[in-house]
Amino acid sequence: MASASLDDVGFRSEGVDTYAQPAVFDLGRQVMSKHSDLRYPQDALHRSQMISPRNDVQKYLAIFCPVAREGNVSILGDRAANQAFMKKHDLSLADIQAYLADLRVEDYSSGPEDDDDPVRRGLCQIWKFGPDFCDAPLYVKLADWLQNRPKRHHCVSFKEASPALTLPYL
């Protein structure tokens, strides 16, 4: 397996052809990688963004978007920020499903990465997207529970981004 390194910008790729093996974009903090096991200091306030190769994002969306098109993404509509956004724009859960089904690689921001909650860490992978909605940037946080839940895909956040996310493939 070939390994590429561009140490001058902190980018490291394991050269593995699967979306579960992301490249790492280090934002000034040391990140250690041993195969697919990425470890972070427990006391770090901010995590390094995981920037997957474009091909890996395409693979993830090829799995996720059809599920959203079928209306089978669990949307956490009971979260206050999600509720406020839905109310402000008069959106239903079905509207959000339809919007999620149209996510593109260009909307990708980061992931997959571990959940911030230590209880869920290692059980699901978090993907973040920042598409535009009515000319405003969104923050879309998706949880891929792999085989750990009856509904594999969850939309954790769907709200206005503040600030806008960095989109590496835009």
Protein backbone atom coordinates (compact mmCIF):
# COMPACT_ATOMS: atom_id res chain seq x y z
CA MET A 1 0.00 0.00 0.00
CA ALA A 2 1.51 3.31 -1.07
CA SER A 3 1.64 6.18 1.36
CA ALA A 4 1.87 9.84 0.39
CA SER A 5 2.96 12.69 2.59
CA LEU A 6 3.00 16.46 2.21
CA ASP A 7 4.42 17.34 5.61
CA ASP A 8 4.89 21.01 4.76
CA VAL A 9 1.09 21.52 4.89
CA GLY A 10 0.31 18.79 7.42
CA PHE A 11 -1.61 16.54 5.01
CA ARG A 12 -1.20 12.80 5.30
CA SER A 13 -2.97 10.06 3.34
CA GLU A 14 -2.90 6.38 4.15
CA GLY A 15 -3.61 5.55 0.48
CA VAL A 16 -6.53 3.25 1.34
CA ASP A 17 -9.49 3.13 -1.04
CA THR A 18 -12.39 3.28 1.44
CA TYR A 19 -14.26 6.19 3.00
CA ALA A 20 -13.62 4.72 6.45
CA GLN A 21 -9.92 5.55 6.03
CA PRO A 22 -9.80 9.36 5.76
CA ALA A 23 -6.85 11.51 5.02
CA VAL A 24 -5.98 13.89 7.85
CA PHE A 25 -5.64 17.65 7.55
CA ASP A 26 -3.85 18.81 10.67
CA LEU A 27 -4.78 22.34 11.75
CA GLY A 28 -1.70 22.93 13.86
CA ARG A 29 -2.15 20.05 16.30
CA GLN A 30 -0.30 16.76 16.24
CA VAL A 31 -2.35 13.88 14.89
CA MET A 32 -1.12 10.32 15.13
CA SER A 33 -2.38 7.72 12.69
CA LYS A 34 -1.95 3.98 12.89
CA HIS A 35 -3.84 2.47 9.97
CA SER A 36 -7.47 3.58 10.42
CA ASP A 37 -7.21 4.27 14.17
CA LEU A 38 -6.93 8.04 14.62
CA ARG A 39 -6.20 9.23 18.14
CA TYR A 40 -6.55 12.69 19.63
CA PRO A 41 -5.37 14.08 22.96
CA GLN A 42 -8.27 13.75 25.43
CA ASP A 43 -7.95 17.35 26.58
CA ALA A 44 -7.89 18.94 23.11
CA LEU A 45 -10.50 21.68 22.79
CA HIS A 46 -10.63 21.41 19.02
CA ARG A 47 -10.10 18.39 16.81
CA SER A 48 -8.23 18.28 13.55
CA GLN A 49 -10.55 18.31 10.59
CA MET A 50 -10.64 15.02 8.75
CA ILE A 51 -10.62 15.75 5.04
CA SER A 52 -11.42 12.64 3.02
CA PRO A 53 -10.29 12.24 -0.56
CA ARG A 54 -12.93 13.34 -3.06
CA ASN A 55 -13.48 9.75 -4.19
CA ASP A 56 -14.30 8.67 -0.61
CA VAL A 57 -16.88 11.45 -0.27
CA GLN A 58 -18.44 10.32 -3.56
CA LYS A 59 -18.64 6.75 -2.21
CA TYR A 60 -20.31 7.93 1.01
CA LEU A 61 -22.84 10.06 -0.86
CA ALA A 62 -23.56 7.15 -3.23
CA ILE A 63 -24.70 5.22 -0.15
CA PHE A 64 -26.33 8.09 1.77
CA CYS A 65 -28.28 10.00 -0.92
CA PRO A 66 -30.47 7.07 -2.07
CA VAL A 67 -31.37 6.39 1.57
CA ALA A 68 -32.38 10.05 1.98
CA ARG A 69 -34.31 9.92 -1.31
CA GLU A 70 -36.34 7.01 0.14
CA GLY A 71 -37.01 9.05 3.31
CA ASN A 72 -35.03 6.68 5.52
CA VAL A 73 -32.70 9.13 7.24
CA SER A 74 -33.58 9.68 10.89
CA ILE A 75 -33.73 13.46 11.37
CA LEU A 76 -33.36 14.80 14.89
CA GLY A 77 -36.17 17.32 14.60
CA ASP A 78 -36.47 17.67 18.36
CA ARG A 79 -33.22 19.62 18.73
CA ALA A 80 -33.87 23.32 19.40
CA ALA A 81 -31.60 24.66 16.63
CA ASN A 82 -33.08 22.24 14.08
CA GLN A 83 -36.63 23.14 15.14
CA ALA A 84 -35.93 26.87 14.93
CA PHE A 85 -34.46 26.52 11.43
CA MET A 86 -37.37 24.37 10.24
CA LYS A 87 -39.91 26.82 11.65
CA LYS A 88 -38.14 29.88 10.22
CA HIS A 89 -38.15 28.36 6.71
CA ASP A 90 -41.44 26.46 7.04
CA LEU A 91 -39.74 23.09 6.40
CA SER A 92 -41.07 19.63 7.13
CA LEU A 93 -38.98 16.53 7.84
CA ALA A 94 -39.80 15.38 4.29
CA ASP A 95 -38.40 18.66 2.93
CA ILE A 96 -35.14 18.06 4.78
CA GLN A 97 -34.96 14.45 3.50
CA ALA A 98 -35.34 15.75 -0.05
CA TYR A 99 -32.66 18.40 0.51
CA LEU A 100 -30.26 15.81 1.99
CA ALA A 101 -30.79 13.55 -1.03
CA ASP A 102 -29.26 16.29 -3.20
CA LEU A 103 -26.01 16.75 -1.25
CA ARG A 104 -22.96 16.97 -3.52
CA VAL A 105 -19.23 16.43 -3.05
CA GLU A 106 -18.83 20.22 -3.35
CA ASP A 107 -20.98 20.59 -0.18
CA TYR A 108 -18.57 18.40 1.83
CA SER A 109 -16.68 19.96 4.74
CA SER A 110 -15.14 17.16 6.86
CA GLY A 111 -15.39 13.58 8.01
CA PRO A 112 -15.67 10.85 8.76
CA GLU A 113 -14.62 11.58 12.32
CA ASP A 114 -15.55 10.37 15.78
CA ASP A 115 -18.54 11.87 17.56
CA ASP A 116 -17.66 14.55 20.15
CA ASP A 117 -19.77 12.73 22.76
CA PRO A 118 -17.57 10.14 24.54
CA VAL A 119 -20.59 7.83 24.95
CA ARG A 120 -21.04 7.59 21.17
CA ARG A 121 -17.36 7.83 20.21
CA GLY A 122 -16.38 4.86 18.06
CA LEU A 123 -20.00 3.81 17.43
CA CYS A 124 -20.72 6.16 14.57
CA GLN A 125 -18.89 8.30 12.05
CA ILE A 126 -19.68 12.00 11.70
CA TRP A 127 -19.73 13.72 8.31
CA LYS A 128 -20.19 17.49 7.96
CA PHE A 129 -21.52 19.37 4.95
CA GLY A 130 -22.04 23.08 4.30
CA PRO A 131 -24.45 23.50 1.40
CA ASP A 132 -26.22 26.77 0.66
CA PHE A 133 -29.89 27.22 1.49
CA CYS A 134 -31.62 30.39 0.27
CA ASP A 135 -28.17 31.96 -0.26
CA ALA A 136 -27.14 31.24 3.35
CA PRO A 137 -24.58 28.61 4.39
CA LEU A 138 -25.90 25.60 6.30
CA TYR A 139 -24.32 23.32 8.86
CA VAL A 140 -25.39 19.74 8.17
CA LYS A 141 -24.04 17.10 10.54
CA LEU A 142 -24.70 13.48 9.60
CA ALA A 143 -24.08 10.41 11.75
CA ASP A 144 -23.41 7.12 10.01
CA TRP A 145 -24.11 4.42 12.59
CA LEU A 146 -22.77 1.72 10.26
CA GLN A 147 -24.44 -1.43 11.62
CA ASN A 148 -25.08 -0.16 15.16
CA ARG A 149 -28.69 1.07 14.76
CA PRO A 150 -31.85 -0.02 12.89
CA LYS A 151 -31.65 3.26 10.93
CA ARG A 152 -28.05 3.64 9.87
CA HIS A 153 -28.12 7.32 8.84
CA HIS A 154 -29.09 10.20 11.14
CA CYS A 155 -29.19 13.92 10.44
CA VAL A 156 -28.02 15.38 13.75
CA SER A 157 -27.93 19.05 12.70
CA PHE A 158 -29.58 21.03 9.92
CA LYS A 159 -29.24 24.72 10.68
CA GLU A 160 -27.60 27.96 9.64
CA ALA A 161 -23.81 27.79 9.82
CA SER A 162 -22.08 30.36 11.93
CA PRO A 163 -19.45 30.78 10.66
CA ALA A 164 -19.69 29.09 7.25
CA LEU A 165 -17.85 25.79 6.97
CA THR A 166 -14.73 25.35 4.85
CA LEU A 167 -15.58 23.36 1.72
CA PRO A 168 -12.40 21.79 0.33
CA TYR A 169 -13.95 20.62 -2.98
CA LEU A 170 -15.84 23.79 -3.90
